Amino acid sequence: MVTGISSDAVIGFAKQGHPQAIAVLLNRALVPHGAHVKVRQKEELLKILINFLRETELELLVNRVQEILNEITPQK
């Protein structure tokens, strides 16, 4: 994915199920909370790994990931 790509383009790619675009959206939301996201795809499975320092924010991070995934609803 090209650096500096517009937010609309990233959202469009994420809605198509591109793991890198999904990672960009998740990182934009979670990096300010001290978390970093990696997204990998293996066949039909999407793996999301969240690295974070403060366990007390786990529920916040999981809820935010769920909200973002619901918003983009990846399509086939």
PDB file of N, CA and C in Angstrom:
ATOM      1  N   MET A   1       0.852  -1.176   0.000  1.00  0.00           N
ATOM      2  CA  MET A   1       0.000   0.000   0.000  1.00  0.00           C
ATOM      3  C   MET A   1       0.893   1.232   0.000  1.00  0.00           C
ATOM      4  N   VAL A   2       0.512   2.223  -0.717  1.00  0.00           N
ATOM      5  CA  VAL A   2       1.311   3.432  -0.877  1.00  0.00           C
ATOM      6  C   VAL A   2       1.195   4.308   0.364  1.00  0.00           C
ATOM      7  N   THR A   3       2.332   4.828   0.824  1.00  0.00           N
ATOM      8  CA  THR A   3       2.334   5.752   1.948  1.00  0.00           C
ATOM      9  C   THR A   3       1.635   7.037   1.534  1.00  0.00           C
ATOM     10  N   GLY A   4       0.845   7.609   2.429  1.00  0.00           N
ATOM     11  CA  GLY A   4       0.160   8.850   2.135  1.00  0.00           C
ATOM     12  C   GLY A   4      -1.155   8.666   1.398  1.00  0.00           C
ATOM     13  N   ILE A   5      -1.626   7.452   1.298  1.00  0.00           N
ATOM     14  CA  ILE A   5      -2.890   7.182   0.622  1.00  0.00           C
ATOM     15  C   ILE A   5      -4.027   7.809   1.435  1.00  0.00           C
ATOM     16  N   SER A   6      -5.067   8.267   0.766  1.00  0.00           N
ATOM     17  CA  SER A   6      -6.149   8.972   1.453  1.00  0.00           C
ATOM     18  C   SER A   6      -6.924   8.039   2.379  1.00  0.00           C
ATOM     19  N   SER A   7      -7.543   8.644   3.387  1.00  0.00           N
ATOM     20  CA  SER A   7      -8.344   7.869   4.336  1.00  0.00           C
ATOM     21  C   SER A   7      -9.474   7.135   3.636  1.00  0.00           C
ATOM     22  N   ASP A   8     -10.109   7.789   2.664  1.00  0.00           N
ATOM     23  CA  ASP A   8     -11.197   7.139   1.928  1.00  0.00           C
ATOM     24  C   ASP A   8     -10.698   5.909   1.186  1.00  0.00           C
ATOM     25  N   ALA A   9      -9.509   6.008   0.612  1.00  0.00           N
ATOM     26  CA  ALA A   9      -8.940   4.868  -0.105  1.00  0.00           C
ATOM     27  C   ALA A   9      -8.619   3.730   0.861  1.00  0.00           C
ATOM     28  N   VAL A  10      -8.068   4.066   2.023  1.00  0.00           N
ATOM     29  CA  VAL A  10      -7.755   3.041   3.025  1.00  0.00           C
ATOM     30  C   VAL A  10      -9.035   2.341   3.462  1.00  0.00           C
ATOM     31  N   ILE A  11     -10.077   3.107   3.719  1.00  0.00           N
ATOM     32  CA  ILE A  11     -11.361   2.521   4.116  1.00  0.00           C
ATOM     33  C   ILE A  11     -11.896   1.624   3.008  1.00  0.00           C
ATOM     34  N   GLY A  12     -11.776   2.067   1.775  1.00  0.00           N
ATOM     35  CA  GLY A  12     -12.229   1.256   0.644  1.00  0.00           C
ATOM     36  C   GLY A  12     -11.493  -0.068   0.561  1.00  0.00           C
ATOM     37  N   PHE A  13     -10.164  -0.022   0.712  1.00  0.00           N
ATOM     38  CA  PHE A  13      -9.380  -1.259   0.695  1.00  0.00           C
ATOM     39  C   PHE A  13      -9.745  -2.150   1.884  1.00  0.00           C
ATOM     40  N   ALA A  14      -9.953  -1.534   3.048  1.00  0.00           N
ATOM     41  CA  ALA A  14     -10.324  -2.311   4.237  1.00  0.00           C
ATOM     42  C   ALA A  14     -11.672  -3.001   4.038  1.00  0.00           C
ATOM     43  N   LYS A  15     -12.608  -2.311   3.427  1.00  0.00           N
ATOM     44  CA  LYS A  15     -13.924  -2.913   3.168  1.00  0.00           C
ATOM     45  C   LYS A  15     -13.827  -4.087   2.205  1.00  0.00           C
ATOM     46  N   GLN A  16     -12.787  -4.087   1.382  1.00  0.00           N
ATOM     47  CA  GLN A  16     -12.562  -5.203   0.461  1.00  0.00           C
ATOM     48  C   GLN A  16     -11.821  -6.348   1.152  1.00  0.00           C
ATOM     49  N   GLY A  17     -11.404  -6.117   2.395  1.00  0.00           N
ATOM     50  CA  GLY A  17     -10.746  -7.161   3.167  1.00  0.00           C
ATOM     51  C   GLY A  17      -9.238  -7.177   3.097  1.00  0.00           C
ATOM     52  N   HIS A  18      -8.610  -6.102   2.618  1.00  0.00           N
ATOM     53  CA  HIS A  18      -7.148  -6.053   2.539  1.00  0.00           C
ATOM     54  C   HIS A  18      -6.555  -5.920   3.948  1.00  0.00           C
ATOM     55  N   PRO A  19      -5.775  -6.900   4.380  1.00  0.00           N
ATOM     56  CA  PRO A  19      -5.234  -6.892   5.744  1.00  0.00           C
ATOM     57  C   PRO A  19      -4.413  -5.653   6.084  1.00  0.00           C
ATOM     58  N   GLN A  20      -3.605  -5.167   5.141  1.00  0.00           N
ATOM     59  CA  GLN A  20      -2.771  -3.997   5.435  1.00  0.00           C
ATOM     60  C   GLN A  20      -3.634  -2.757   5.681  1.00  0.00           C
ATOM     61  N   ALA A  21      -4.700  -2.596   4.925  1.00  0.00           N
ATOM     62  CA  ALA A  21      -5.596  -1.455   5.123  1.00  0.00           C
ATOM     63  C   ALA A  21      -6.316  -1.566   6.464  1.00  0.00           C
ATOM     64  N   ILE A  22      -6.721  -2.770   6.822  1.00  0.00           N
ATOM     65  CA  ILE A  22      -7.370  -2.982   8.116  1.00  0.00           C
ATOM     66  C   ILE A  22      -6.392  -2.637   9.235  1.00  0.00           C
ATOM     67  N   ALA A  23      -5.137  -3.041   9.088  1.00  0.00           N
ATOM     68  CA  ALA A  23      -4.117  -2.722  10.089  1.00  0.00           C
ATOM     69  C   ALA A  23      -3.914  -1.217  10.215  1.00  0.00           C
ATOM     70  N   VAL A  24      -3.907  -0.510   9.087  1.00  0.00           N
ATOM     71  CA  VAL A  24      -3.746   0.949   9.121  1.00  0.00           C
ATOM     72  C   VAL A  24      -4.880   1.587   9.919  1.00  0.00           C
ATOM     73  N   LEU A  25      -6.119   1.186   9.638  1.00  0.00           N
ATOM     74  CA  LEU A  25      -7.264   1.758  10.357  1.00  0.00           C
ATOM     75  C   LEU A  25      -7.193   1.447  11.851  1.00  0.00           C
ATOM     76  N   LEU A  26      -6.887   0.211  12.182  1.00  0.00           N
ATOM     77  CA  LEU A  26      -6.805  -0.168  13.594  1.00  0.00           C
ATOM     78  C   LEU A  26      -5.668   0.564  14.297  1.00  0.00           C
ATOM     79  N   ASN A  27      -4.518   0.678  13.646  1.00  0.00           N
ATOM     80  CA  ASN A  27      -3.396   1.386  14.265  1.00  0.00           C
ATOM     81  C   ASN A  27      -3.694   2.861  14.464  1.00  0.00           C
ATOM     82  N   ARG A  28      -4.394   3.477  13.529  1.00  0.00           N
ATOM     83  CA  ARG A  28      -4.759   4.893  13.699  1.00  0.00           C
ATOM     84  C   ARG A  28      -5.576   5.092  14.965  1.00  0.00           C
ATOM     85  N   ALA A  29      -6.412   4.122  15.295  1.00  0.00           N
ATOM     86  CA  ALA A  29      -7.264   4.237  16.479  1.00  0.00           C
ATOM     87  C   ALA A  29      -6.561   3.795  17.760  1.00  0.00           C
ATOM     88  N   LEU A  30      -5.651   2.829  17.663  1.00  0.00           N
ATOM     89  CA  LEU A  30      -5.107   2.219  18.870  1.00  0.00           C
ATOM     90  C   LEU A  30      -3.717   2.697  19.281  1.00  0.00           C
ATOM     91  N   VAL A  31      -2.921   3.194  18.349  1.00  0.00           N
ATOM     92  CA  VAL A  31      -1.582   3.678  18.707  1.00  0.00           C
ATOM     93  C   VAL A  31      -1.645   4.755  19.797  1.00  0.00           C
ATOM     94  N   PRO A  32      -2.605   5.690  19.757  1.00  0.00           N
ATOM     95  CA  PRO A  32      -2.680   6.679  20.839  1.00  0.00           C
ATOM     96  C   PRO A  32      -2.924   6.060  22.223  1.00  0.00           C
ATOM     97  N   HIS A  33      -3.401   4.821  22.257  1.00  0.00           N
ATOM     98  CA  HIS A  33      -3.643   4.121  23.521  1.00  0.00           C
ATOM     99  C   HIS A  33      -2.482   3.194  23.881  1.00  0.00           C
ATOM    100  N   GLY A  34      -1.377   3.312  23.159  1.00  0.00           N
ATOM    101  CA  GLY A  34      -0.199   2.513  23.454  1.00  0.00           C
ATOM    102  C   GLY A  34      -0.232   1.111  22.885  1.00  0.00           C
ATOM    103  N   ALA A  35      -1.042   0.895  21.862  1.00  0.00           N
ATOM    104  CA  ALA A  35      -1.153  -0.434  21.259  1.00  0.00           C
ATOM    105  C   ALA A  35      -0.723  -0.382  19.800  1.00  0.00           C
ATOM    106  N   HIS A  36      -0.241  -1.513  19.309  1.00  0.00           N
ATOM    107  CA  HIS A  36       0.143  -1.643  17.905  1.00  0.00           C
ATOM    108  C   HIS A  36      -0.493  -2.910  17.365  1.00  0.00           C
ATOM    109  N   VAL A  37      -1.040  -2.826  16.149  1.00  0.00           N
ATOM    110  CA  VAL A  37      -1.782  -3.934  15.557  1.00  0.00           C
ATOM    111  C   VAL A  37      -1.043  -4.501  14.354  1.00  0.00           C
ATOM    112  N   LYS A  38      -1.048  -5.821  14.256  1.00  0.00           N
ATOM    113  CA  LYS A  38      -0.584  -6.522  13.057  1.00  0.00           C
ATOM    114  C   LYS A  38      -1.754  -7.369  12.566  1.00  0.00           C
ATOM    115  N   VAL A  39      -1.977  -7.354  11.268  1.00  0.00           N
ATOM    116  CA  VAL A  39      -3.064  -8.134  10.677  1.00  0.00           C
ATOM    117  C   VAL A  39      -2.474  -9.051   9.616  1.00  0.00           C
ATOM    118  N   ARG A  40      -2.830 -10.311   9.684  1.00  0.00           N
ATOM    119  CA  ARG A  40      -2.387 -11.303   8.706  1.00  0.00           C
ATOM    120  C   ARG A  40      -3.605 -12.063   8.201  1.00  0.00           C
ATOM    121  N   GLN A  41      -3.524 -12.504   6.965  1.00  0.00           N
ATOM    122  CA  GLN A  41      -4.611 -13.287   6.396  1.00  0.00           C
ATOM    123  C   GLN A  41      -4.068 -14.632   5.937  1.00  0.00           C
ATOM    124  N   LYS A  42      -4.779 -15.685   6.276  1.00  0.00           N
ATOM    125  CA  LYS A  42      -4.453 -17.026   5.806  1.00  0.00           C
ATOM    126  C   LYS A  42      -5.759 -17.632   5.314  1.00  0.00           C
ATOM    127  N   GLU A  43      -5.857 -17.724   4.006  1.00  0.00           N
ATOM    128  CA  GLU A  43      -7.084 -18.179   3.341  1.00  0.00           C
ATOM    129  C   GLU A  43      -8.239 -17.276   3.772  1.00  0.00           C
ATOM    130  N   GLU A  44      -9.264 -17.828   4.392  1.00  0.00           N
ATOM    131  CA  GLU A  44     -10.433 -17.031   4.788  1.00  0.00           C
ATOM    132  C   GLU A  44     -10.332 -16.492   6.219  1.00  0.00           C
ATOM    133  N   LEU A  45      -9.217 -16.763   6.889  1.00  0.00           N
ATOM    134  CA  LEU A  45      -9.047 -16.373   8.283  1.00  0.00           C
ATOM    135  C   LEU A  45      -8.228 -15.090   8.386  1.00  0.00           C
ATOM    136  N   LEU A  46      -8.719 -14.150   9.160  1.00  0.00           N
ATOM    137  CA  LEU A  46      -8.011 -12.900   9.408  1.00  0.00           C
ATOM    138  C   LEU A  46      -7.496 -12.940  10.840  1.00  0.00           C
ATOM    139  N   LYS A  47      -6.181 -12.845  11.013  1.00  0.00           N
ATOM    140  CA  LYS A  47      -5.575 -12.861  12.341  1.00  0.00           C
ATOM    141  C   LYS A  47      -5.207 -11.440  12.726  1.00  0.00           C
ATOM    142  N   ILE A  48      -5.667 -11.020  13.893  1.00  0.00           N
ATOM    143  CA  ILE A  48      -5.374  -9.680  14.391  1.00  0.00           C
ATOM    144  C   ILE A  48      -4.609  -9.824  15.699  1.00  0.00           C
ATOM    145  N   LEU A  49      -3.380  -9.314  15.711  1.00  0.00           N
ATOM    146  CA  LEU A  49      -2.535  -9.352  16.898  1.00  0.00           C
ATOM    147  C   LEU A  49      -2.400  -7.929  17.421  1.00  0.00           C
ATOM    148  N   ILE A  50      -2.741  -7.743  18.692  1.00  0.00           N
ATOM    149  CA  ILE A  50      -2.636  -6.427  19.317  1.00  0.00           C
ATOM    150  C   ILE A  50      -1.573  -6.501  20.407  1.00  0.00           C
ATOM    151  N   ASN A  51      -0.524  -5.721  20.249  1.00  0.00           N
ATOM    152  CA  ASN A  51       0.518  -5.603  21.275  1.00  0.00           C
ATOM    153  C   ASN A  51       0.249  -4.332  22.065  1.00  0.00           C
ATOM    154  N   PHE A  52       0.227  -4.456  23.390  1.00  0.00           N
ATOM    155  CA  PHE A  52      -0.039  -3.280  24.215  1.00  0.00           C
ATOM    156  C   PHE A  52       0.720  -3.391  25.523  1.00  0.00           C
ATOM    157  N   LEU A  53       0.874  -2.259  26.188  1.00  0.00           N
ATOM    158  CA  LEU A  53       1.640  -2.215  27.427  1.00  0.00           C
ATOM    159  C   LEU A  53       0.761  -2.249  28.670  1.00  0.00           C
ATOM    160  N   ARG A  54      -0.411  -1.632  28.595  1.00  0.00           N
ATOM    161  CA  ARG A  54      -1.261  -1.500  29.775  1.00  0.00           C
ATOM    162  C   ARG A  54      -2.451  -2.456  29.683  1.00  0.00           C
ATOM    163  N   GLU A  55      -2.410  -3.518  30.455  1.00  0.00           N
ATOM    164  CA  GLU A  55      -3.478  -4.516  30.419  1.00  0.00           C
ATOM    165  C   GLU A  55      -4.820  -3.933  30.863  1.00  0.00           C
ATOM    166  N   THR A  56      -4.801  -2.870  31.650  1.00  0.00           N
ATOM    167  CA  THR A  56      -6.052  -2.289  32.128  1.00  0.00           C
ATOM    168  C   THR A  56      -6.910  -1.765  30.983  1.00  0.00           C
ATOM    169  N   GLU A  57      -6.303  -1.513  29.833  1.00  0.00           N
ATOM    170  CA  GLU A  57      -7.046  -0.987  28.688  1.00  0.00           C
ATOM    171  C   GLU A  57      -7.490  -2.085  27.728  1.00  0.00           C
ATOM    172  N   LEU A  58      -7.364  -3.328  28.120  1.00  0.00           N
ATOM    173  CA  LEU A  58      -7.696  -4.438  27.234  1.00  0.00           C
ATOM    174  C   LEU A  58      -9.131  -4.349  26.725  1.00  0.00           C
ATOM    175  N   GLU A  59     -10.075  -4.119  27.606  1.00  0.00           N
ATOM    176  CA  GLU A  59     -11.480  -4.049  27.189  1.00  0.00           C
ATOM    177  C   GLU A  59     -11.708  -2.893  26.214  1.00  0.00           C
ATOM    178  N   LEU A  60     -11.101  -1.752  26.475  1.00  0.00           N
ATOM    179  CA  LEU A  60     -11.206  -0.606  25.574  1.00  0.00           C
ATOM    180  C   LEU A  60     -10.663  -0.955  24.195  1.00  0.00           C
ATOM    181  N   LEU A  61      -9.510  -1.593  24.149  1.00  0.00           N
ATOM    182  CA  LEU A  61      -8.891  -1.948  22.876  1.00  0.00           C
ATOM    183  C   LEU A  61      -9.744  -2.943  22.100  1.00  0.00           C
ATOM    184  N   VAL A  62     -10.219  -3.965  22.771  1.00  0.00           N
ATOM    185  CA  VAL A  62     -11.050  -4.974  22.106  1.00  0.00           C
ATOM    186  C   VAL A  62     -12.341  -4.347  21.590  1.00  0.00           C
ATOM    187  N   ASN A  63     -12.964  -3.502  22.387  1.00  0.00           N
ATOM    188  CA  ASN A  63     -14.197  -2.832  21.948  1.00  0.00           C
ATOM    189  C   ASN A  63     -13.946  -1.946  20.741  1.00  0.00           C
ATOM    190  N   ARG A  64     -12.838  -1.227  20.737  1.00  0.00           N
ATOM    191  CA  ARG A  64     -12.528  -0.339  19.606  1.00  0.00           C
ATOM    192  C   ARG A  64     -12.260  -1.142  18.338  1.00  0.00           C
ATOM    193  N   VAL A  65     -11.547  -2.262  18.459  1.00  0.00           N
ATOM    194  CA  VAL A  65     -11.310  -3.129  17.301  1.00  0.00           C
ATOM    195  C   VAL A  65     -12.642  -3.632  16.755  1.00  0.00           C
ATOM    196  N   GLN A  66     -13.515  -4.074  17.643  1.00  0.00           N
ATOM    197  CA  GLN A  66     -14.824  -4.571  17.216  1.00  0.00           C
ATOM    198  C   GLN A  66     -15.626  -3.479  16.504  1.00  0.00           C
ATOM    199  N   GLU A  67     -15.611  -2.260  17.034  1.00  0.00           N
ATOM    200  CA  GLU A  67     -16.323  -1.142  16.398  1.00  0.00           C
ATOM    201  C   GLU A  67     -15.800  -0.891  14.985  1.00  0.00           C
ATOM    202  N   ILE A  68     -14.489  -0.858  14.837  1.00  0.00           N
ATOM    203  CA  ILE A  68     -13.892  -0.583  13.528  1.00  0.00           C
ATOM    204  C   ILE A  68     -14.222  -1.693  12.545  1.00  0.00           C
ATOM    205  N   LEU A  69     -14.101  -2.937  12.975  1.00  0.00           N
ATOM    206  CA  LEU A  69     -14.425  -4.051  12.080  1.00  0.00           C
ATOM    207  C   LEU A  69     -15.895  -4.025  11.676  1.00  0.00           C
ATOM    208  N   ASN A  70     -16.768  -3.658  12.604  1.00  0.00           N
ATOM    209  CA  ASN A  70     -18.191  -3.528  12.261  1.00  0.00           C
ATOM    210  C   ASN A  70     -18.420  -2.409  11.256  1.00  0.00           C
ATOM    211  N   GLU A  71     -17.669  -1.319  11.382  1.00  0.00           N
ATOM    212  CA  GLU A  71     -17.818  -0.181  10.469  1.00  0.00           C
ATOM    213  C   GLU A  71     -17.377  -0.521   9.051  1.00  0.00           C
ATOM    214  N   ILE A  72     -16.303  -1.286   8.923  1.00  0.00           N
ATOM    215  CA  ILE A  72     -15.796  -1.561   7.575  1.00  0.00           C
ATOM    216  C   ILE A  72     -16.423  -2.796   6.948  1.00  0.00           C
ATOM    217  N   THR A  73     -16.977  -3.679   7.750  1.00  0.00           N
ATOM    218  CA  THR A  73     -17.611  -4.903   7.266  1.00  0.00           C
ATOM    219  C   THR A  73     -16.941  -5.409   5.989  1.00  0.00           C
ATOM    220  N   PRO A  74     -15.782  -6.065   6.112  1.00  0.00           N
ATOM    221  CA  PRO A  74     -15.080  -6.544   4.916  1.00  0.00           C
ATOM    222  C   PRO A  74     -15.977  -7.361   3.995  1.00  0.00           C
ATOM    223  N   GLN A  75     -15.829  -7.095   2.706  1.00  0.00           N
ATOM    224  CA  GLN A  75     -16.646  -7.761   1.696  1.00  0.00           C
ATOM    225  C   GLN A  75     -15.767  -8.659   0.857  1.00  0.00           C
ATOM    226  N   LYS A  76     -16.376  -9.707   0.310  1.00  0.00           N
ATOM    227  CA  LYS A  76     -15.643 -10.610  -0.595  1.00  0.00           C
ATOM    228  C   LYS A  76     -15.678 -10.065  -1.991  1.00  0.00           C
TER     229      LYS A  76
END
